Amino acid sequence: MTVLQQLETNARASGLLSLSNNAPEEGKADQPPTAKNLATRNSETLQAVEQNFTERSRLVANVQAAINTSTHRVTH
C-alpha cells in the first residue's frame, strides 16, 4: 500500500473525508463509522502526514545516495 493510499484510508477511517462523519467506508456500507473527536482525528491525520514526509525524505536520501554513487563511479 502506498503512503498516499494509507493517508486516504486514515482519512476515511477518521471521518475526515466526510463532512458529517456519517459516510461509511468503502466496502462497509452496513457498518456505521466509529465516532471520534476532533482531537483524535487531528492527531491521526498529523501522524499520517508526518509518516508521509518521513517516507519521502527517506526516498529522497536514497535517490541522492544512488546519484552520488553513480557519479562517483563514472568520474573516477
PDB file of N, CA and C in Angstrom:
ATOM      1  N   MET A   1       0.851  -1.174   0.000  1.00  0.00           N
ATOM      2  CA  MET A   1       0.000   0.000   0.000  1.00  0.00           C
ATOM      3  C   MET A   1       0.896   1.236   0.000  1.00  0.00           C
ATOM      4  N   THR A   2       0.606   2.163  -0.884  1.00  0.00           N
ATOM      5  CA  THR A   2       1.412   3.368  -0.951  1.00  0.00           C
ATOM      6  C   THR A   2       1.070   4.300   0.203  1.00  0.00           C
ATOM      7  N   VAL A   3       1.938   5.250   0.433  1.00  0.00           N
ATOM      8  CA  VAL A   3       1.722   6.205   1.517  1.00  0.00           C
ATOM      9  C   VAL A   3       0.458   7.014   1.251  1.00  0.00           C
ATOM     10  N   LEU A   4       0.237   7.372  -0.019  1.00  0.00           N
ATOM     11  CA  LEU A   4      -0.963   8.130  -0.358  1.00  0.00           C
ATOM     12  C   LEU A   4      -2.220   7.319  -0.058  1.00  0.00           C
ATOM     13  N   GLN A   5      -2.194   6.033  -0.359  1.00  0.00           N
ATOM     14  CA  GLN A   5      -3.337   5.174  -0.047  1.00  0.00           C
ATOM     15  C   GLN A   5      -3.534   5.071   1.465  1.00  0.00           C
ATOM     16  N   GLN A   6      -2.437   5.023   2.211  1.00  0.00           N
ATOM     17  CA  GLN A   6      -2.539   4.973   3.672  1.00  0.00           C
ATOM     18  C   GLN A   6      -3.177   6.252   4.206  1.00  0.00           C
ATOM     19  N   LEU A   7      -2.777   7.403   3.643  1.00  0.00           N
ATOM     20  CA  LEU A   7      -3.366   8.669   4.067  1.00  0.00           C
ATOM     21  C   LEU A   7      -4.864   8.686   3.783  1.00  0.00           C
ATOM     22  N   GLU A   8      -5.237   8.226   2.590  1.00  0.00           N
ATOM     23  CA  GLU A   8      -6.654   8.194   2.238  1.00  0.00           C
ATOM     24  C   GLU A   8      -7.423   7.253   3.162  1.00  0.00           C
ATOM     25  N   THR A   9      -6.854   6.096   3.427  1.00  0.00           N
ATOM     26  CA  THR A   9      -7.502   5.131   4.314  1.00  0.00           C
ATOM     27  C   THR A   9      -7.677   5.721   5.709  1.00  0.00           C
ATOM     28  N   ASN A  10      -6.630   6.376   6.224  1.00  0.00           N
ATOM     29  CA  ASN A  10      -6.716   7.001   7.551  1.00  0.00           C
ATOM     30  C   ASN A  10      -7.756   8.112   7.568  1.00  0.00           C
ATOM     31  N   ALA A  11      -7.788   8.910   6.485  1.00  0.00           N
ATOM     32  CA  ALA A  11      -8.763  10.000   6.412  1.00  0.00           C
ATOM     33  C   ALA A  11     -10.183   9.451   6.370  1.00  0.00           C
ATOM     34  N   ARG A  12     -10.392   8.382   5.609  1.00  0.00           N
ATOM     35  CA  ARG A  12     -11.727   7.767   5.551  1.00  0.00           C
ATOM     36  C   ARG A  12     -12.112   7.179   6.909  1.00  0.00           C
ATOM     37  N   ALA A  13     -11.181   6.481   7.537  1.00  0.00           N
ATOM     38  CA  ALA A  13     -11.465   5.829   8.818  1.00  0.00           C
ATOM     39  C   ALA A  13     -11.779   6.846   9.910  1.00  0.00           C
ATOM     40  N   SER A  14     -11.133   8.003   9.862  1.00  0.00           N
ATOM     41  CA  SER A  14     -11.354   9.009  10.896  1.00  0.00           C
ATOM     42  C   SER A  14     -12.501   9.947  10.560  1.00  0.00           C
ATOM     43  N   GLY A  15     -13.100   9.787   9.377  1.00  0.00           N
ATOM     44  CA  GLY A  15     -14.230  10.626   9.007  1.00  0.00           C
ATOM     45  C   GLY A  15     -13.843  11.948   8.393  1.00  0.00           C
ATOM     46  N   LEU A  16     -12.565  12.158   8.100  1.00  0.00           N
ATOM     47  CA  LEU A  16     -12.138  13.436   7.543  1.00  0.00           C
ATOM     48  C   LEU A  16     -12.611  13.640   6.104  1.00  0.00           C
ATOM     49  N   LEU A  17     -12.920  12.563   5.395  1.00  0.00           N
ATOM     50  CA  LEU A  17     -13.425  12.698   4.032  1.00  0.00           C
ATOM     51  C   LEU A  17     -14.940  12.858   4.007  1.00  0.00           C
ATOM     52  N   SER A  18     -15.556  12.919   5.156  1.00  0.00           N
ATOM     53  CA  SER A  18     -16.995  13.097   5.259  1.00  0.00           C
ATOM     54  C   SER A  18     -17.280  14.291   6.158  1.00  0.00           C
ATOM     55  N   LEU A  19     -17.998  15.276   5.620  1.00  0.00           N
ATOM     56  CA  LEU A  19     -18.300  16.453   6.427  1.00  0.00           C
ATOM     57  C   LEU A  19     -19.183  16.112   7.626  1.00  0.00           C
ATOM     58  N   SER A  20     -20.080  15.162   7.448  1.00  0.00           N
ATOM     59  CA  SER A  20     -21.000  14.813   8.526  1.00  0.00           C
ATOM     60  C   SER A  20     -20.504  13.655   9.382  1.00  0.00           C
ATOM     61  N   ASN A  21     -19.427  13.011   8.947  1.00  0.00           N
ATOM     62  CA  ASN A  21     -18.893  11.825   9.614  1.00  0.00           C
ATOM     63  C   ASN A  21     -19.907  10.681   9.595  1.00  0.00           C
ATOM     64  N   ASN A  22     -20.837  10.725   8.632  1.00  0.00           N
ATOM     65  CA  ASN A  22     -21.842   9.674   8.517  1.00  0.00           C
ATOM     66  C   ASN A  22     -21.625   8.787   7.307  1.00  0.00           C
ATOM     67  N   ALA A  23     -20.707   9.128   6.430  1.00  0.00           N
ATOM     68  CA  ALA A  23     -20.467   8.328   5.235  1.00  0.00           C
ATOM     69  C   ALA A  23     -19.688   7.081   5.614  1.00  0.00           C
ATOM     70  N   PRO A  24     -20.149   5.903   5.192  1.00  0.00           N
ATOM     71  CA  PRO A  24     -19.425   4.667   5.514  1.00  0.00           C
ATOM     72  C   PRO A  24     -18.169   4.517   4.674  1.00  0.00           C
ATOM     73  N   GLU A  25     -17.231   3.748   5.181  1.00  0.00           N
ATOM     74  CA  GLU A  25     -16.042   3.413   4.408  1.00  0.00           C
ATOM     75  C   GLU A  25     -16.445   2.550   3.236  1.00  0.00           C
ATOM     76  N   GLU A  26     -15.630   2.553   2.204  1.00  0.00           N
ATOM     77  CA  GLU A  26     -15.890   1.697   1.054  1.00  0.00           C
ATOM     78  C   GLU A  26     -15.913   0.244   1.508  1.00  0.00           C
ATOM     79  N   GLY A  27     -16.896  -0.499   1.026  1.00  0.00           N
ATOM     80  CA  GLY A  27     -16.986  -1.909   1.360  1.00  0.00           C
ATOM     81  C   GLY A  27     -17.589  -2.190   2.721  1.00  0.00           C
ATOM     82  N   LYS A  28     -17.972  -1.162   3.442  1.00  0.00           N
ATOM     83  CA  LYS A  28     -18.545  -1.355   4.780  1.00  0.00           C
ATOM     84  C   LYS A  28     -19.849  -0.570   4.909  1.00  0.00           C
ATOM     85  N   ALA A  29     -20.721  -0.704   3.922  1.00  0.00           N
ATOM     86  CA  ALA A  29     -21.949   0.089   3.880  1.00  0.00           C
ATOM     87  C   ALA A  29     -22.876  -0.198   5.058  1.00  0.00           C
ATOM     88  N   ASP A  30     -22.835  -1.392   5.624  1.00  0.00           N
ATOM     89  CA  ASP A  30     -23.740  -1.761   6.706  1.00  0.00           C
ATOM     90  C   ASP A  30     -23.244  -1.342   8.085  1.00  0.00           C
ATOM     91  N   GLN A  31     -21.973  -0.989   8.186  1.00  0.00           N
ATOM     92  CA  GLN A  31     -21.401  -0.672   9.485  1.00  0.00           C
ATOM     93  C   GLN A  31     -21.255   0.836   9.642  1.00  0.00           C
ATOM     94  N   PRO A  32     -21.767   1.401  10.732  1.00  0.00           N
ATOM     95  CA  PRO A  32     -21.580   2.841  10.945  1.00  0.00           C
ATOM     96  C   PRO A  32     -20.125   3.140  11.298  1.00  0.00           C
ATOM     97  N   PRO A  33     -19.611   4.302  10.878  1.00  0.00           N
ATOM     98  CA  PRO A  33     -18.222   4.642  11.205  1.00  0.00           C
ATOM     99  C   PRO A  33     -18.058   4.903  12.699  1.00  0.00           C
ATOM    100  N   THR A  34     -16.887   4.679  13.197  1.00  0.00           N
ATOM    101  CA  THR A  34     -16.591   4.935  14.597  1.00  0.00           C
ATOM    102  C   THR A  34     -16.529   6.440  14.823  1.00  0.00           C
ATOM    103  N   ALA A  35     -17.260   6.917  15.787  1.00  0.00           N
ATOM    104  CA  ALA A  35     -17.248   8.347  16.091  1.00  0.00           C
ATOM    105  C   ALA A  35     -15.968   8.682  16.850  1.00  0.00           C
ATOM    106  N   LYS A  36     -15.269   9.674  16.378  1.00  0.00           N
ATOM    107  CA  LYS A  36     -14.033  10.101  17.036  1.00  0.00           C
ATOM    108  C   LYS A  36     -14.093  11.608  17.223  1.00  0.00           C
ATOM    109  N   ASN A  37     -13.497  12.079  18.290  1.00  0.00           N
ATOM    110  CA  ASN A  37     -13.500  13.515  18.496  1.00  0.00           C
ATOM    111  C   ASN A  37     -12.454  14.179  17.603  1.00  0.00           C
ATOM    112  N   LEU A  38     -12.571  15.471  17.470  1.00  0.00           N
ATOM    113  CA  LEU A  38     -11.711  16.219  16.558  1.00  0.00           C
ATOM    114  C   LEU A  38     -10.238  16.104  16.931  1.00  0.00           C
ATOM    115  N   ALA A  39      -9.923  16.092  18.209  1.00  0.00           N
ATOM    116  CA  ALA A  39      -8.521  15.980  18.633  1.00  0.00           C
ATOM    117  C   ALA A  39      -7.921  14.660  18.181  1.00  0.00           C
ATOM    118  N   THR A  40      -8.683  13.586  18.293  1.00  0.00           N
ATOM    119  CA  THR A  40      -8.197  12.277  17.851  1.00  0.00           C
ATOM    120  C   THR A  40      -8.004  12.268  16.348  1.00  0.00           C
ATOM    121  N   ARG A  41      -8.965  12.816  15.609  1.00  0.00           N
ATOM    122  CA  ARG A  41      -8.859  12.862  14.153  1.00  0.00           C
ATOM    123  C   ARG A  41      -7.666  13.704  13.725  1.00  0.00           C
ATOM    124  N   ASN A  42      -7.466  14.846  14.377  1.00  0.00           N
ATOM    125  CA  ASN A  42      -6.320  15.691  14.046  1.00  0.00           C
ATOM    126  C   ASN A  42      -5.009  14.976  14.337  1.00  0.00           C
ATOM    127  N   SER A  43      -4.946  14.303  15.460  1.00  0.00           N
ATOM    128  CA  SER A  43      -3.735  13.575  15.836  1.00  0.00           C
ATOM    129  C   SER A  43      -3.413  12.491  14.818  1.00  0.00           C
ATOM    130  N   GLU A  44      -4.420  11.729  14.417  1.00  0.00           N
ATOM    131  CA  GLU A  44      -4.207  10.665  13.437  1.00  0.00           C
ATOM    132  C   GLU A  44      -3.792  11.234  12.085  1.00  0.00           C
ATOM    133  N   THR A  45      -4.393  12.355  11.703  1.00  0.00           N
ATOM    134  CA  THR A  45      -4.046  12.984  10.429  1.00  0.00           C
ATOM    135  C   THR A  45      -2.614  13.496  10.462  1.00  0.00           C
ATOM    136  N   LEU A  46      -2.238  14.167  11.541  1.00  0.00           N
ATOM    137  CA  LEU A  46      -0.869  14.667  11.659  1.00  0.00           C
ATOM    138  C   LEU A  46       0.139  13.525  11.645  1.00  0.00           C
ATOM    139  N   GLN A  47      -0.202  12.433  12.292  1.00  0.00           N
ATOM    140  CA  GLN A  47       0.681  11.267  12.305  1.00  0.00           C
ATOM    141  C   GLN A  47       0.844  10.702  10.896  1.00  0.00           C
ATOM    142  N   ALA A  48      -0.246  10.628  10.140  1.00  0.00           N
ATOM    143  CA  ALA A  48      -0.179  10.115   8.769  1.00  0.00           C
ATOM    144  C   ALA A  48       0.623  11.050   7.870  1.00  0.00           C
ATOM    145  N   VAL A  49       0.447  12.355   8.036  1.00  0.00           N
ATOM    146  CA  VAL A  49       1.204  13.328   7.239  1.00  0.00           C
ATOM    147  C   VAL A  49       2.684  13.257   7.594  1.00  0.00           C
ATOM    148  N   GLU A  50       2.994  13.148   8.881  1.00  0.00           N
ATOM    149  CA  GLU A  50       4.389  13.019   9.306  1.00  0.00           C
ATOM    150  C   GLU A  50       5.020  11.759   8.726  1.00  0.00           C
ATOM    151  N   GLN A  51       4.268  10.676   8.728  1.00  0.00           N
ATOM    152  CA  GLN A  51       4.761   9.423   8.145  1.00  0.00           C
ATOM    153  C   GLN A  51       5.023   9.601   6.652  1.00  0.00           C
ATOM    154  N   ASN A  52       4.139  10.325   5.976  1.00  0.00           N
ATOM    155  CA  ASN A  52       4.306  10.588   4.550  1.00  0.00           C
ATOM    156  C   ASN A  52       5.599  11.362   4.293  1.00  0.00           C
ATOM    157  N   PHE A  53       5.833  12.429   5.042  1.00  0.00           N
ATOM    158  CA  PHE A  53       7.039  13.223   4.837  1.00  0.00           C
ATOM    159  C   PHE A  53       8.299  12.461   5.228  1.00  0.00           C
ATOM    160  N   THR A  54       8.212  11.637   6.260  1.00  0.00           N
ATOM    161  CA  THR A  54       9.354  10.809   6.648  1.00  0.00           C
ATOM    162  C   THR A  54       9.717   9.849   5.528  1.00  0.00           C
ATOM    163  N   GLU A  55       8.703   9.226   4.942  1.00  0.00           N
ATOM    164  CA  GLU A  55       8.935   8.291   3.837  1.00  0.00           C
ATOM    165  C   GLU A  55       9.513   9.018   2.623  1.00  0.00           C
ATOM    166  N   ARG A  56       8.980  10.199   2.322  1.00  0.00           N
ATOM    167  CA  ARG A  56       9.511  10.981   1.197  1.00  0.00           C
ATOM    168  C   ARG A  56      10.965  11.367   1.443  1.00  0.00           C
ATOM    169  N   SER A  57      11.283  11.773   2.643  1.00  0.00           N
ATOM    170  CA  SER A  57      12.664  12.146   2.970  1.00  0.00           C
ATOM    171  C   SER A  57      13.599  10.961   2.812  1.00  0.00           C
ATOM    172  N   ARG A  58      13.132   9.791   3.250  1.00  0.00           N
ATOM    173  CA  ARG A  58      13.934   8.580   3.106  1.00  0.00           C
ATOM    174  C   ARG A  58      14.166   8.261   1.632  1.00  0.00           C
ATOM    175  N   LEU A  59      13.128   8.379   0.826  1.00  0.00           N
ATOM    176  CA  LEU A  59      13.263   8.105  -0.604  1.00  0.00           C
ATOM    177  C   LEU A  59      14.199   9.106  -1.276  1.00  0.00           C
ATOM    178  N   VAL A  60      14.095  10.374  -0.918  1.00  0.00           N
ATOM    179  CA  VAL A  60      14.986  11.392  -1.483  1.00  0.00           C
ATOM    180  C   VAL A  60      16.428  11.097  -1.100  1.00  0.00           C
ATOM    181  N   ALA A  61      16.655  10.718   0.148  1.00  0.00           N
ATOM    182  CA  ALA A  61      18.015  10.377   0.589  1.00  0.00           C
ATOM    183  C   ALA A  61      18.551   9.185  -0.191  1.00  0.00           C
ATOM    184  N   ASN A  62      17.706   8.190  -0.439  1.00  0.00           N
ATOM    185  CA  ASN A  62      18.132   7.026  -1.222  1.00  0.00           C
ATOM    186  C   ASN A  62      18.473   7.412  -2.655  1.00  0.00           C
ATOM    187  N   VAL A  63      17.664   8.275  -3.252  1.00  0.00           N
ATOM    188  CA  VAL A  63      17.937   8.728  -4.621  1.00  0.00           C
ATOM    189  C   VAL A  63      19.235   9.522  -4.655  1.00  0.00           C
ATOM    190  N   GLN A  64      19.432  10.409  -3.685  1.00  0.00           N
ATOM    191  CA  GLN A  64      20.666  11.195  -3.641  1.00  0.00           C
ATOM    192  C   GLN A  64      21.881  10.291  -3.470  1.00  0.00           C
ATOM    193  N   ALA A  65      21.773   9.286  -2.632  1.00  0.00           N
ATOM    194  CA  ALA A  65      22.882   8.352  -2.438  1.00  0.00           C
ATOM    195  C   ALA A  65      23.163   7.588  -3.721  1.00  0.00           C
ATOM    196  N   ALA A  66      22.115   7.186  -4.424  1.00  0.00           N
ATOM    197  CA  ALA A  66      22.300   6.472  -5.690  1.00  0.00           C
ATOM    198  C   ALA A  66      22.956   7.366  -6.730  1.00  0.00           C
ATOM    199  N   ILE A  67      22.552   8.621  -6.779  1.00  0.00           N
ATOM    200  CA  ILE A  67      23.154   9.568  -7.727  1.00  0.00           C
ATOM    201  C   ILE A  67      24.617   9.784  -7.382  1.00  0.00           C
ATOM    202  N   ASN A  68      24.914   9.990  -6.112  1.00  0.00           N
ATOM    203  CA  ASN A  68      26.302  10.198  -5.691  1.00  0.00           C
ATOM    204  C   ASN A  68      27.160   8.985  -6.009  1.00  0.00           C
ATOM    205  N   THR A  69      26.620   7.808  -5.797  1.00  0.00           N
ATOM    206  CA  THR A  69      27.360   6.580  -6.090  1.00  0.00           C
ATOM    207  C   THR A  69      27.616   6.444  -7.579  1.00  0.00           C
ATOM    208  N   SER A  70      26.599   6.716  -8.390  1.00  0.00           N
ATOM    209  CA  SER A  70      26.762   6.553  -9.839  1.00  0.00           C
ATOM    210  C   SER A  70      27.689   7.611 -10.414  1.00  0.00           C
ATOM    211  N   THR A  71      27.636   8.851  -9.934  1.00  0.00           N
ATOM    212  CA  THR A  71      28.535   9.881 -10.457  1.00  0.00           C
ATOM    213  C   THR A  71      29.960   9.637  -9.979  1.00  0.00           C
ATOM    214  N   HIS A  72      30.108   9.083  -8.788  1.00  0.00           N
ATOM    215  CA  HIS A  72      31.440   8.778  -8.273  1.00  0.00           C
ATOM    216  C   HIS A  72      32.098   7.693  -9.125  1.00  0.00           C
ATOM    217  N   ARG A  73      31.339   6.706  -9.520  1.00  0.00           N
ATOM    218  CA  ARG A  73      31.867   5.620 -10.344  1.00  0.00           C
ATOM    219  C   ARG A  73      32.223   6.105 -11.742  1.00  0.00           C
ATOM    220  N   VAL A  74      31.446   7.011 -12.296  1.00  0.00           N
ATOM    221  CA  VAL A  74      31.679   7.498 -13.658  1.00  0.00           C
ATOM    222  C   VAL A  74      32.904   8.397 -13.713  1.00  0.00           C
ATOM    223  N   THR A  75      33.091   9.258 -12.724  1.00  0.00           N
ATOM    224  CA  THR A  75      34.171  10.237 -12.769  1.00  0.00           C
ATOM    225  C   THR A  75      35.509   9.679 -12.316  1.00  0.00           C
ATOM    226  N   HIS A  76      35.526   8.563 -11.643  1.00  0.00           N
ATOM    227  CA  HIS A  76      36.802   8.039 -11.144  1.00  0.00           C
ATOM    228  C   HIS A  76      37.166   6.780 -11.822  1.00  0.00           C
TER     229      HIS A  76
END
